């Protein structure tokens, strides 16, 4: 059900916050989905 490919460029920091961005995929043929999404996660558990 996820119509996005995670790209690190979709996680940005400015204006006093972190932004998680949804936008068109920079390479939909390679990503195999039309959109990019942002996800931020901890390394540990």
ModelCIF file with pLDDT and N, C-alpha, C, O atoms, coordinates in Angstrom:
data_MODEL
#
_entry.id   MODEL 
#
_entity.id                         1 
_entity.type                       polymer 
_entity.pdbx_number_of_molecules   1 
#
_entity_poly.entity_id                      1 
_entity_poly.type                           'polypeptide(L)' 
_entity_poly.nstd_linkage                   no 
_entity_poly.nstd_monomer                   no 
_entity_poly.pdbx_seq_one_letter_code       
;(UNK)(UNK)(UNK)(UNK)(UNK)(UNK)(UNK)(UNK)(UNK)(UNK)(UNK)(UNK)(UNK)(UNK)(UNK)(UNK)
(UNK)(UNK)(UNK)(UNK)(UNK)(UNK)(UNK)(UNK)(UNK)(UNK)(UNK)(UNK)(UNK)(UNK)(UNK)(UNK)
(UNK)(UNK)(UNK)(UNK)(UNK)(UNK)(UNK)(UNK)(UNK)(UNK)(UNK)(UNK)(UNK)
;
_entity_poly.pdbx_seq_one_letter_code_can   XXXXXXXXXXXXXXXXXXXXXXXXXXXXXXXXXXXXXXXXXXXXX 
_entity_poly.pdbx_strand_id                 A 
#
loop_
_entity_poly_seq.entity_id 
_entity_poly_seq.num 
_entity_poly_seq.mon_id 
_entity_poly_seq.hetero 
1 1  UNK n 
1 2  UNK n 
1 3  UNK n 
1 4  UNK n 
1 5  UNK n 
1 6  UNK n 
1 7  UNK n 
1 8  UNK n 
1 9  UNK n 
1 10 UNK n 
1 11 UNK n 
1 12 UNK n 
1 13 UNK n 
1 14 UNK n 
1 15 UNK n 
1 16 UNK n 
1 17 UNK n 
1 18 UNK n 
1 19 UNK n 
1 20 UNK n 
1 21 UNK n 
1 22 UNK n 
1 23 UNK n 
1 24 UNK n 
1 25 UNK n 
1 26 UNK n 
1 27 UNK n 
1 28 UNK n 
1 29 UNK n 
1 30 UNK n 
1 31 UNK n 
1 32 UNK n 
1 33 UNK n 
1 34 UNK n 
1 35 UNK n 
1 36 UNK n 
1 37 UNK n 
1 38 UNK n 
1 39 UNK n 
1 40 UNK n 
1 41 UNK n 
1 42 UNK n 
1 43 UNK n 
1 44 UNK n 
1 45 UNK n 
#
_struct_asym.id          A 
_struct_asym.entity_id   1 
#
loop_
_ma_qa_metric.id 
_ma_qa_metric.mode 
_ma_qa_metric.name 
_ma_qa_metric.software_group_id 
_ma_qa_metric.type 
1 global pLDDT . pLDDT 
2 local  pLDDT . pLDDT 
#
_ma_qa_metric_global.metric_id      1 
_ma_qa_metric_global.metric_value   97.33 
_ma_qa_metric_global.model_id       1 
_ma_qa_metric_global.ordinal_id     1 
#
loop_
_ma_qa_metric_local.label_asym_id 
_ma_qa_metric_local.label_comp_id 
_ma_qa_metric_local.label_seq_id 
_ma_qa_metric_local.metric_id 
_ma_qa_metric_local.metric_value 
_ma_qa_metric_local.model_id 
_ma_qa_metric_local.ordinal_id 
A UNK 1  2 96.00 1 1  
A UNK 2  2 97.00 1 2  
A UNK 3  2 98.00 1 3  
A UNK 4  2 98.00 1 4  
A UNK 5  2 98.00 1 5  
A UNK 6  2 98.00 1 6  
A UNK 7  2 98.00 1 7  
A UNK 8  2 98.00 1 8  
A UNK 9  2 98.00 1 9  
A UNK 10 2 98.00 1 10 
A UNK 11 2 98.00 1 11 
A UNK 12 2 98.00 1 12 
A UNK 13 2 98.00 1 13 
A UNK 14 2 96.00 1 14 
A UNK 15 2 95.00 1 15 
A UNK 16 2 97.00 1 16 
A UNK 17 2 98.00 1 17 
A UNK 18 2 98.00 1 18 
A UNK 19 2 98.00 1 19 
A UNK 20 2 98.00 1 20 
A UNK 21 2 98.00 1 21 
A UNK 22 2 98.00 1 22 
A UNK 23 2 98.00 1 23 
A UNK 24 2 98.00 1 24 
A UNK 25 2 98.00 1 25 
A UNK 26 2 97.00 1 26 
A UNK 27 2 97.00 1 27 
A UNK 28 2 97.00 1 28 
A UNK 29 2 97.00 1 29 
A UNK 30 2 97.00 1 30 
A UNK 31 2 97.00 1 31 
A UNK 32 2 96.00 1 32 
A UNK 33 2 97.00 1 33 
A UNK 34 2 98.00 1 34 
A UNK 35 2 98.00 1 35 
A UNK 36 2 98.00 1 36 
A UNK 37 2 98.00 1 37 
A UNK 38 2 98.00 1 38 
A UNK 39 2 98.00 1 39 
A UNK 40 2 98.00 1 40 
A UNK 41 2 97.00 1 41 
A UNK 42 2 97.00 1 42 
A UNK 43 2 95.00 1 43 
A UNK 44 2 94.00 1 44 
A UNK 45 2 95.00 1 45 
#
loop_
_atom_site.group_PDB 
_atom_site.id 
_atom_site.type_symbol 
_atom_site.label_atom_id 
_atom_site.label_alt_id 
_atom_site.label_comp_id 
_atom_site.label_asym_id 
_atom_site.label_entity_id 
_atom_site.label_seq_id 
_atom_site.pdbx_PDB_ins_code 
_atom_site.Cartn_x 
_atom_site.Cartn_y 
_atom_site.Cartn_z 
_atom_site.occupancy 
_atom_site.B_iso_or_equiv 
_atom_site.pdbx_formal_charge 
_atom_site.auth_seq_id 
_atom_site.auth_comp_id 
_atom_site.auth_asym_id 
_atom_site.auth_atom_id 
_atom_site.pdbx_PDB_model_num 
ATOM 1   N N  . UNK A 1 1  ? 0.804  -1.223 0.000   1.00 96.00 ? 1  UNK A N  1 
ATOM 2   C CA . UNK A 1 1  ? 0.000  0.000  0.000   1.00 96.00 ? 1  UNK A CA 1 
ATOM 3   C C  . UNK A 1 1  ? 0.834  1.270  0.000   1.00 96.00 ? 1  UNK A C  1 
ATOM 4   O O  . UNK A 1 1  ? 0.281  2.362  -0.129  1.00 96.00 ? 1  UNK A O  1 
ATOM 5   N N  . UNK A 1 2  ? 2.168  1.158  0.143   1.00 97.00 ? 2  UNK A N  1 
ATOM 6   C CA . UNK A 1 2  ? 3.032  2.335  0.150   1.00 97.00 ? 2  UNK A CA 1 
ATOM 7   C C  . UNK A 1 2  ? 3.375  2.714  -1.289  1.00 97.00 ? 2  UNK A C  1 
ATOM 8   O O  . UNK A 1 2  ? 4.012  1.945  -2.010  1.00 97.00 ? 2  UNK A O  1 
ATOM 9   N N  . UNK A 1 3  ? 2.944  3.911  -1.697  1.00 98.00 ? 3  UNK A N  1 
ATOM 10  C CA . UNK A 1 3  ? 3.179  4.353  -3.073  1.00 98.00 ? 3  UNK A CA 1 
ATOM 11  C C  . UNK A 1 3  ? 4.359  5.322  -3.127  1.00 98.00 ? 3  UNK A C  1 
ATOM 12  O O  . UNK A 1 3  ? 4.397  6.230  -3.956  1.00 98.00 ? 3  UNK A O  1 
ATOM 13  N N  . UNK A 1 4  ? 5.324  5.111  -2.224  1.00 98.00 ? 4  UNK A N  1 
ATOM 14  C CA . UNK A 1 4  ? 6.516  5.950  -2.168  1.00 98.00 ? 4  UNK A CA 1 
ATOM 15  C C  . UNK A 1 4  ? 7.760  5.073  -2.064  1.00 98.00 ? 4  UNK A C  1 
ATOM 16  O O  . UNK A 1 4  ? 7.706  3.926  -1.618  1.00 98.00 ? 4  UNK A O  1 
ATOM 17  N N  . UNK A 1 5  ? 8.873  5.648  -2.487  1.00 98.00 ? 5  UNK A N  1 
ATOM 18  C CA . UNK A 1 5  ? 10.207 5.082  -2.315  1.00 98.00 ? 5  UNK A CA 1 
ATOM 19  C C  . UNK A 1 5  ? 10.931 5.990  -1.342  1.00 98.00 ? 5  UNK A C  1 
ATOM 20  O O  . UNK A 1 5  ? 10.918 7.209  -1.508  1.00 98.00 ? 5  UNK A O  1 
ATOM 21  N N  . UNK A 1 6  ? 11.567 5.411  -0.320  1.00 98.00 ? 6  UNK A N  1 
ATOM 22  C CA . UNK A 1 6  ? 12.248 6.235  0.677   1.00 98.00 ? 6  UNK A CA 1 
ATOM 23  C C  . UNK A 1 6  ? 13.556 6.777  0.110   1.00 98.00 ? 6  UNK A C  1 
ATOM 24  O O  . UNK A 1 6  ? 14.422 6.027  -0.341  1.00 98.00 ? 6  UNK A O  1 
ATOM 25  N N  . UNK A 1 7  ? 13.671 8.096  0.146   1.00 98.00 ? 7  UNK A N  1 
ATOM 26  C CA . UNK A 1 7  ? 14.902 8.776  -0.262  1.00 98.00 ? 7  UNK A CA 1 
ATOM 27  C C  . UNK A 1 7  ? 15.376 9.657  0.887   1.00 98.00 ? 7  UNK A C  1 
ATOM 28  O O  . UNK A 1 7  ? 14.579 10.381 1.483   1.00 98.00 ? 7  UNK A O  1 
ATOM 29  N N  . UNK A 1 8  ? 16.663 9.601  1.201   1.00 98.00 ? 8  UNK A N  1 
ATOM 30  C CA . UNK A 1 8  ? 17.184 10.425 2.292   1.00 98.00 ? 8  UNK A CA 1 
ATOM 31  C C  . UNK A 1 8  ? 17.022 11.913 2.001   1.00 98.00 ? 8  UNK A C  1 
ATOM 32  O O  . UNK A 1 8  ? 16.962 12.727 2.922   1.00 98.00 ? 8  UNK A O  1 
ATOM 33  N N  . UNK A 1 9  ? 16.953 12.266 0.723   1.00 98.00 ? 9  UNK A N  1 
ATOM 34  C CA . UNK A 1 9  ? 16.760 13.671 0.361   1.00 98.00 ? 9  UNK A CA 1 
ATOM 35  C C  . UNK A 1 9  ? 15.383 14.181 0.763   1.00 98.00 ? 9  UNK A C  1 
ATOM 36  O O  . UNK A 1 9  ? 15.148 15.390 0.785   1.00 98.00 ? 9  UNK A O  1 
ATOM 37  N N  . UNK A 1 10 ? 14.468 13.261 1.081   1.00 98.00 ? 10 UNK A N  1 
ATOM 38  C CA . UNK A 1 10 ? 13.126 13.651 1.517   1.00 98.00 ? 10 UNK A CA 1 
ATOM 39  C C  . UNK A 1 10 ? 13.048 13.880 3.012   1.00 98.00 ? 10 UNK A C  1 
ATOM 40  O O  . UNK A 1 10 ? 11.963 14.074 3.560   1.00 98.00 ? 10 UNK A O  1 
ATOM 41  N N  . UNK A 1 11 ? 14.199 13.858 3.677   1.00 98.00 ? 11 UNK A N  1 
ATOM 42  C CA . UNK A 1 11 ? 14.295 14.225 5.096   1.00 98.00 ? 11 UNK A CA 1 
ATOM 43  C C  . UNK A 1 11 ? 15.203 15.444 5.168   1.00 98.00 ? 11 UNK A C  1 
ATOM 44  O O  . UNK A 1 11 ? 16.405 15.346 4.921   1.00 98.00 ? 11 UNK A O  1 
ATOM 45  N N  . UNK A 1 12 ? 14.623 16.599 5.509   1.00 98.00 ? 12 UNK A N  1 
ATOM 46  C CA . UNK A 1 12 ? 15.370 17.851 5.523   1.00 98.00 ? 12 UNK A CA 1 
ATOM 47  C C  . UNK A 1 12 ? 15.236 18.532 6.884   1.00 98.00 ? 12 UNK A C  1 
ATOM 48  O O  . UNK A 1 12 ? 14.353 18.206 7.678   1.00 98.00 ? 12 UNK A O  1 
ATOM 49  N N  . UNK A 1 13 ? 16.129 19.478 7.130   1.00 98.00 ? 13 UNK A N  1 
ATOM 50  C CA . UNK A 1 13 ? 16.139 20.200 8.402   1.00 98.00 ? 13 UNK A CA 1 
ATOM 51  C C  . UNK A 1 13 ? 16.340 21.686 8.124   1.00 98.00 ? 13 UNK A C  1 
ATOM 52  O O  . UNK A 1 13 ? 17.405 22.112 7.677   1.00 98.00 ? 13 UNK A O  1 
ATOM 53  N N  . UNK A 1 14 ? 15.306 22.458 8.395   1.00 96.00 ? 14 UNK A N  1 
ATOM 54  C CA . UNK A 1 14 ? 15.426 23.917 8.293   1.00 96.00 ? 14 UNK A CA 1 
ATOM 55  C C  . UNK A 1 14 ? 14.211 24.552 8.959   1.00 96.00 ? 14 UNK A C  1 
ATOM 56  O O  . UNK A 1 14 ? 13.236 23.873 9.282   1.00 96.00 ? 14 UNK A O  1 
ATOM 57  N N  . UNK A 1 15 ? 14.288 25.855 9.157   1.00 95.00 ? 15 UNK A N  1 
ATOM 58  C CA . UNK A 1 15 ? 13.198 26.605 9.786   1.00 95.00 ? 15 UNK A CA 1 
ATOM 59  C C  . UNK A 1 15 ? 12.796 26.017 11.134  1.00 95.00 ? 15 UNK A C  1 
ATOM 60  O O  . UNK A 1 15 ? 11.621 26.045 11.502  1.00 95.00 ? 15 UNK A O  1 
ATOM 61  N N  . UNK A 1 16 ? 13.774 25.481 11.874  1.00 97.00 ? 16 UNK A N  1 
ATOM 62  C CA . UNK A 1 16 ? 13.515 25.007 13.227  1.00 97.00 ? 16 UNK A CA 1 
ATOM 63  C C  . UNK A 1 16 ? 12.728 23.727 13.332  1.00 97.00 ? 16 UNK A C  1 
ATOM 64  O O  . UNK A 1 16 ? 12.012 23.526 14.314  1.00 97.00 ? 16 UNK A O  1 
ATOM 65  N N  . UNK A 1 17 ? 12.841 22.836 12.331  1.00 98.00 ? 17 UNK A N  1 
ATOM 66  C CA . UNK A 1 17 ? 12.117 21.570 12.385  1.00 98.00 ? 17 UNK A CA 1 
ATOM 67  C C  . UNK A 1 17 ? 12.717 20.599 11.374  1.00 98.00 ? 17 UNK A C  1 
ATOM 68  O O  . UNK A 1 17 ? 13.480 20.993 10.492  1.00 98.00 ? 17 UNK A O  1 
ATOM 69  N N  . UNK A 1 18 ? 12.356 19.312 11.519  1.00 98.00 ? 18 UNK A N  1 
ATOM 70  C CA . UNK A 1 18 ? 12.641 18.312 10.509  1.00 98.00 ? 18 UNK A CA 1 
ATOM 71  C C  . UNK A 1 18 ? 11.431 18.179 9.600   1.00 98.00 ? 18 UNK A C  1 
ATOM 72  O O  . UNK A 1 18 ? 10.293 18.142 10.068  1.00 98.00 ? 18 UNK A O  1 
ATOM 73  N N  . UNK A 1 19 ? 11.684 18.108 8.295   1.00 98.00 ? 19 UNK A N  1 
ATOM 74  C CA . UNK A 1 19 ? 10.612 17.937 7.328   1.00 98.00 ? 19 UNK A CA 1 
ATOM 75  C C  . UNK A 1 19 ? 10.685 16.543 6.697   1.00 98.00 ? 19 UNK A C  1 
ATOM 76  O O  . UNK A 1 19 ? 11.748 16.124 6.239   1.00 98.00 ? 19 UNK A O  1 
ATOM 77  N N  . UNK A 1 20 ? 9.568  15.833 6.674   1.00 98.00 ? 20 UNK A N  1 
ATOM 78  C CA . UNK A 1 20 ? 9.423  14.594 5.920   1.00 98.00 ? 20 UNK A CA 1 
ATOM 79  C C  . UNK A 1 20 ? 8.549  14.924 4.712   1.00 98.00 ? 20 UNK A C  1 
ATOM 80  O O  . UNK A 1 20 ? 7.394  15.325 4.855   1.00 98.00 ? 20 UNK A O  1 
ATOM 81  N N  . UNK A 1 21 ? 9.117  14.749 3.528   1.00 98.00 ? 21 UNK A N  1 
ATOM 82  C CA . UNK A 1 21 ? 8.539  15.301 2.310   1.00 98.00 ? 21 UNK A CA 1 
ATOM 83  C C  . UNK A 1 21 ? 8.002  14.198 1.402   1.00 98.00 ? 21 UNK A C  1 
ATOM 84  O O  . UNK A 1 21 ? 8.645  13.165 1.216   1.00 98.00 ? 21 UNK A O  1 
ATOM 85  N N  . UNK A 1 22 ? 6.828  14.428 0.846   1.00 98.00 ? 22 UNK A N  1 
ATOM 86  C CA . UNK A 1 22 ? 6.288  13.602 -0.232  1.00 98.00 ? 22 UNK A CA 1 
ATOM 87  C C  . UNK A 1 22 ? 6.329  14.430 -1.502  1.00 98.00 ? 22 UNK A C  1 
ATOM 88  O O  . UNK A 1 22 ? 5.775  15.528 -1.549  1.00 98.00 ? 22 UNK A O  1 
ATOM 89  N N  . UNK A 1 23 ? 6.990  13.902 -2.544  1.00 98.00 ? 23 UNK A N  1 
ATOM 90  C CA . UNK A 1 23 ? 7.051  14.591 -3.823  1.00 98.00 ? 23 UNK A CA 1 
ATOM 91  C C  . UNK A 1 23 ? 7.201  13.571 -4.945  1.00 98.00 ? 23 UNK A C  1 
ATOM 92  O O  . UNK A 1 23 ? 7.302  12.376 -4.666  1.00 98.00 ? 23 UNK A O  1 
ATOM 93  N N  . UNK A 1 24 ? 7.218  13.998 -6.198  1.00 98.00 ? 24 UNK A N  1 
ATOM 94  C CA . UNK A 1 24 ? 7.383  13.040 -7.290  1.00 98.00 ? 24 UNK A CA 1 
ATOM 95  C C  . UNK A 1 24 ? 8.732  12.336 -7.208  1.00 98.00 ? 24 UNK A C  1 
ATOM 96  O O  . UNK A 1 24 ? 9.735  12.941 -6.829  1.00 98.00 ? 24 UNK A O  1 
ATOM 97  N N  . UNK A 1 25 ? 8.750  11.080 -7.558  1.00 98.00 ? 25 UNK A N  1 
ATOM 98  C CA . UNK A 1 25 ? 10.005 10.331 -7.573  1.00 98.00 ? 25 UNK A CA 1 
ATOM 99  C C  . UNK A 1 25 ? 10.972 10.944 -8.582  1.00 98.00 ? 25 UNK A C  1 
ATOM 100 O O  . UNK A 1 25 ? 10.562 11.327 -9.678  1.00 98.00 ? 25 UNK A O  1 
ATOM 101 N N  . UNK A 1 26 ? 12.262 11.041 -8.217  1.00 97.00 ? 26 UNK A N  1 
ATOM 102 C CA . UNK A 1 26 ? 13.240 11.540 -9.183  1.00 97.00 ? 26 UNK A CA 1 
ATOM 103 C C  . UNK A 1 26 ? 13.528 10.540 -10.295 1.00 97.00 ? 26 UNK A C  1 
ATOM 104 O O  . UNK A 1 26 ? 14.066 10.908 -11.339 1.00 97.00 ? 26 UNK A O  1 
ATOM 105 N N  . UNK A 1 27 ? 13.173 9.273  -10.074 1.00 97.00 ? 27 UNK A N  1 
ATOM 106 C CA . UNK A 1 27 ? 13.421 8.230  -11.066 1.00 97.00 ? 27 UNK A CA 1 
ATOM 107 C C  . UNK A 1 27 ? 12.366 7.133  -10.903 1.00 97.00 ? 27 UNK A C  1 
ATOM 108 O O  . UNK A 1 27 ? 12.665 6.065  -10.369 1.00 97.00 ? 27 UNK A O  1 
ATOM 109 N N  . UNK A 1 28 ? 11.138 7.385  -11.358 1.00 97.00 ? 28 UNK A N  1 
ATOM 110 C CA . UNK A 1 28 ? 10.056 6.415  -11.131 1.00 97.00 ? 28 UNK A CA 1 
ATOM 111 C C  . UNK A 1 28 ? 10.295 5.067  -11.780 1.00 97.00 ? 28 UNK A C  1 
ATOM 112 O O  . UNK A 1 28 ? 9.795  4.053  -11.293 1.00 97.00 ? 28 UNK A O  1 
ATOM 113 N N  . UNK A 1 29 ? 11.052 5.034  -12.870 1.00 97.00 ? 29 UNK A N  1 
ATOM 114 C CA . UNK A 1 29 ? 11.331 3.742  -13.515 1.00 97.00 ? 29 UNK A CA 1 
ATOM 115 C C  . UNK A 1 29 ? 12.171 2.866  -12.606 1.00 97.00 ? 29 UNK A C  1 
ATOM 116 O O  . UNK A 1 29 ? 11.933 1.662  -12.500 1.00 97.00 ? 29 UNK A O  1 
ATOM 117 N N  . UNK A 1 30 ? 13.166 3.473  -11.942 1.00 97.00 ? 30 UNK A N  1 
ATOM 118 C CA . UNK A 1 30 ? 14.019 2.718  -11.021 1.00 97.00 ? 30 UNK A CA 1 
ATOM 119 C C  . UNK A 1 30 ? 13.311 2.447  -9.703  1.00 97.00 ? 30 UNK A C  1 
ATOM 120 O O  . UNK A 1 30 ? 13.405 1.348  -9.156  1.00 97.00 ? 30 UNK A O  1 
ATOM 121 N N  . UNK A 1 31 ? 12.606 3.445  -9.196  1.00 97.00 ? 31 UNK A N  1 
ATOM 122 C CA . UNK A 1 31 ? 11.910 3.294  -7.909  1.00 97.00 ? 31 UNK A CA 1 
ATOM 123 C C  . UNK A 1 31 ? 10.704 2.365  -8.017  1.00 97.00 ? 31 UNK A C  1 
ATOM 124 O O  . UNK A 1 31 ? 10.311 1.732  -7.037  1.00 97.00 ? 31 UNK A O  1 
ATOM 125 N N  . UNK A 1 32 ? 10.119 2.284  -9.213  1.00 96.00 ? 32 UNK A N  1 
ATOM 126 C CA . UNK A 1 32 ? 8.946  1.449  -9.489  1.00 96.00 ? 32 UNK A CA 1 
ATOM 127 C C  . UNK A 1 32 ? 7.706  1.925  -8.763  1.00 96.00 ? 32 UNK A C  1 
ATOM 128 O O  . UNK A 1 32 ? 6.723  1.193  -8.644  1.00 96.00 ? 32 UNK A O  1 
ATOM 129 N N  . UNK A 1 33 ? 7.757  3.153  -8.281  1.00 97.00 ? 33 UNK A N  1 
ATOM 130 C CA . UNK A 1 33 ? 6.595  3.849  -7.745  1.00 97.00 ? 33 UNK A CA 1 
ATOM 131 C C  . UNK A 1 33 ? 6.711  5.311  -8.176  1.00 97.00 ? 33 UNK A C  1 
ATOM 132 O O  . UNK A 1 33 ? 7.816  5.785  -8.438  1.00 97.00 ? 33 UNK A O  1 
ATOM 133 N N  . UNK A 1 34 ? 5.596  6.028  -8.254  1.00 98.00 ? 34 UNK A N  1 
ATOM 134 C CA . UNK A 1 34 ? 5.654  7.388  -8.810  1.00 98.00 ? 34 UNK A CA 1 
ATOM 135 C C  . UNK A 1 34 ? 6.090  8.472  -7.842  1.00 98.00 ? 34 UNK A C  1 
ATOM 136 O O  . UNK A 1 34 ? 6.366  9.595  -8.265  1.00 98.00 ? 34 UNK A O  1 
ATOM 137 N N  . UNK A 1 35 ? 6.160  8.158  -6.528  1.00 98.00 ? 35 UNK A N  1 
ATOM 138 C CA . UNK A 1 35 ? 6.401  9.208  -5.548  1.00 98.00 ? 35 UNK A CA 1 
ATOM 139 C C  . UNK A 1 35 ? 7.554  8.856  -4.609  1.00 98.00 ? 35 UNK A C  1 
ATOM 140 O O  . UNK A 1 35 ? 7.896  7.687  -4.431  1.00 98.00 ? 35 UNK A O  1 
ATOM 141 N N  . UNK A 1 36 ? 8.144  9.893  -4.015  1.00 98.00 ? 36 UNK A N  1 
ATOM 142 C CA . UNK A 1 36 ? 9.159  9.744  -2.982  1.00 98.00 ? 36 UNK A CA 1 
ATOM 143 C C  . UNK A 1 36 ? 8.554  10.117 -1.638  1.00 98.00 ? 36 UNK A C  1 
ATOM 144 O O  . UNK A 1 36 ? 7.674  10.975 -1.560  1.00 98.00 ? 36 UNK A O  1 
ATOM 145 N N  . UNK A 1 37 ? 9.031  9.465  -0.580  1.00 98.00 ? 37 UNK A N  1 
ATOM 146 C CA . UNK A 1 37 ? 8.576  9.778  0.770   1.00 98.00 ? 37 UNK A CA 1 
ATOM 147 C C  . UNK A 1 37 ? 9.743  9.920  1.720   1.00 98.00 ? 37 UNK A C  1 
ATOM 148 O O  . UNK A 1 37 ? 10.868 9.525  1.411   1.00 98.00 ? 37 UNK A O  1 
ATOM 149 N N  . UNK A 1 38 ? 9.461  10.492 2.889   1.00 98.00 ? 38 UNK A N  1 
ATOM 150 C CA . UNK A 1 38 ? 10.486 10.669 3.908   1.00 98.00 ? 38 UNK A CA 1 
ATOM 151 C C  . UNK A 1 38 ? 10.198 9.835  5.136   1.00 98.00 ? 38 UNK A C  1 
ATOM 152 O O  . UNK A 1 38 ? 9.066  9.784  5.617   1.00 98.00 ? 38 UNK A O  1 
ATOM 153 N N  . UNK A 1 39 ? 11.239 9.176  5.642   1.00 98.00 ? 39 UNK A N  1 
ATOM 154 C CA . UNK A 1 39 ? 11.128 8.385  6.873   1.00 98.00 ? 39 UNK A CA 1 
ATOM 155 C C  . UNK A 1 39 ? 12.399 8.600  7.690   1.00 98.00 ? 39 UNK A C  1 
ATOM 156 O O  . UNK A 1 39 ? 13.504 8.640  7.148   1.00 98.00 ? 39 UNK A O  1 
ATOM 157 N N  . UNK A 1 40 ? 12.220 8.736  8.995   1.00 98.00 ? 40 UNK A N  1 
ATOM 158 C CA . UNK A 1 40 ? 13.326 8.942  9.933   1.00 98.00 ? 40 UNK A CA 1 
ATOM 159 C C  . UNK A 1 40 ? 13.176 7.908  11.026  1.00 98.00 ? 40 UNK A C  1 
ATOM 160 O O  . UNK A 1 40 ? 12.083 7.726  11.563  1.00 98.00 ? 40 UNK A O  1 
ATOM 161 N N  . UNK A 1 41 ? 14.268 7.221  11.367  1.00 97.00 ? 41 UNK A N  1 
ATOM 162 C CA . UNK A 1 41 ? 14.183 6.077  12.280  1.00 97.00 ? 41 UNK A CA 1 
ATOM 163 C C  . UNK A 1 41 ? 15.388 6.008  13.200  1.00 97.00 ? 41 UNK A C  1 
ATOM 164 O O  . UNK A 1 41 ? 16.460 6.522  12.883  1.00 97.00 ? 41 UNK A O  1 
ATOM 165 N N  . UNK A 1 42 ? 15.198 5.370  14.334  1.00 97.00 ? 42 UNK A N  1 
ATOM 166 C CA . UNK A 1 42 ? 16.334 5.124  15.200  1.00 97.00 ? 42 UNK A CA 1 
ATOM 167 C C  . UNK A 1 42 ? 17.138 3.951  14.673  1.00 97.00 ? 42 UNK A C  1 
ATOM 168 O O  . UNK A 1 42 ? 16.597 3.043  14.043  1.00 97.00 ? 42 UNK A O  1 
ATOM 169 N N  . UNK A 1 43 ? 18.445 3.979  14.940  1.00 95.00 ? 43 UNK A N  1 
ATOM 170 C CA . UNK A 1 43 ? 19.304 2.867  14.560  1.00 95.00 ? 43 UNK A CA 1 
ATOM 171 C C  . UNK A 1 43 ? 19.055 1.666  15.462  1.00 95.00 ? 43 UNK A C  1 
ATOM 172 O O  . UNK A 1 43 ? 19.116 0.522  15.013  1.00 95.00 ? 43 UNK A O  1 
ATOM 173 N N  . UNK A 1 44 ? 18.774 1.931  16.737  1.00 94.00 ? 44 UNK A N  1 
ATOM 174 C CA . UNK A 1 44 ? 18.631 0.867  17.724  1.00 94.00 ? 44 UNK A CA 1 
ATOM 175 C C  . UNK A 1 44 ? 17.172 0.635  18.090  1.00 94.00 ? 44 UNK A C  1 
ATOM 176 O O  . UNK A 1 44 ? 16.271 1.260  17.529  1.00 94.00 ? 44 UNK A O  1 
ATOM 177 N N  . UNK A 1 45 ? 16.952 -0.267 19.033  1.00 95.00 ? 45 UNK A N  1 
ATOM 178 C CA . UNK A 1 45 ? 15.630 -0.761 19.379  1.00 95.00 ? 45 UNK A CA 1 
ATOM 179 C C  . UNK A 1 45 ? 15.354 -0.468 20.853  1.00 95.00 ? 45 UNK A C  1 
ATOM 180 O O  . UNK A 1 45 ? 14.283 -0.805 21.359  1.00 95.00 ? 45 UNK A O  1 
#
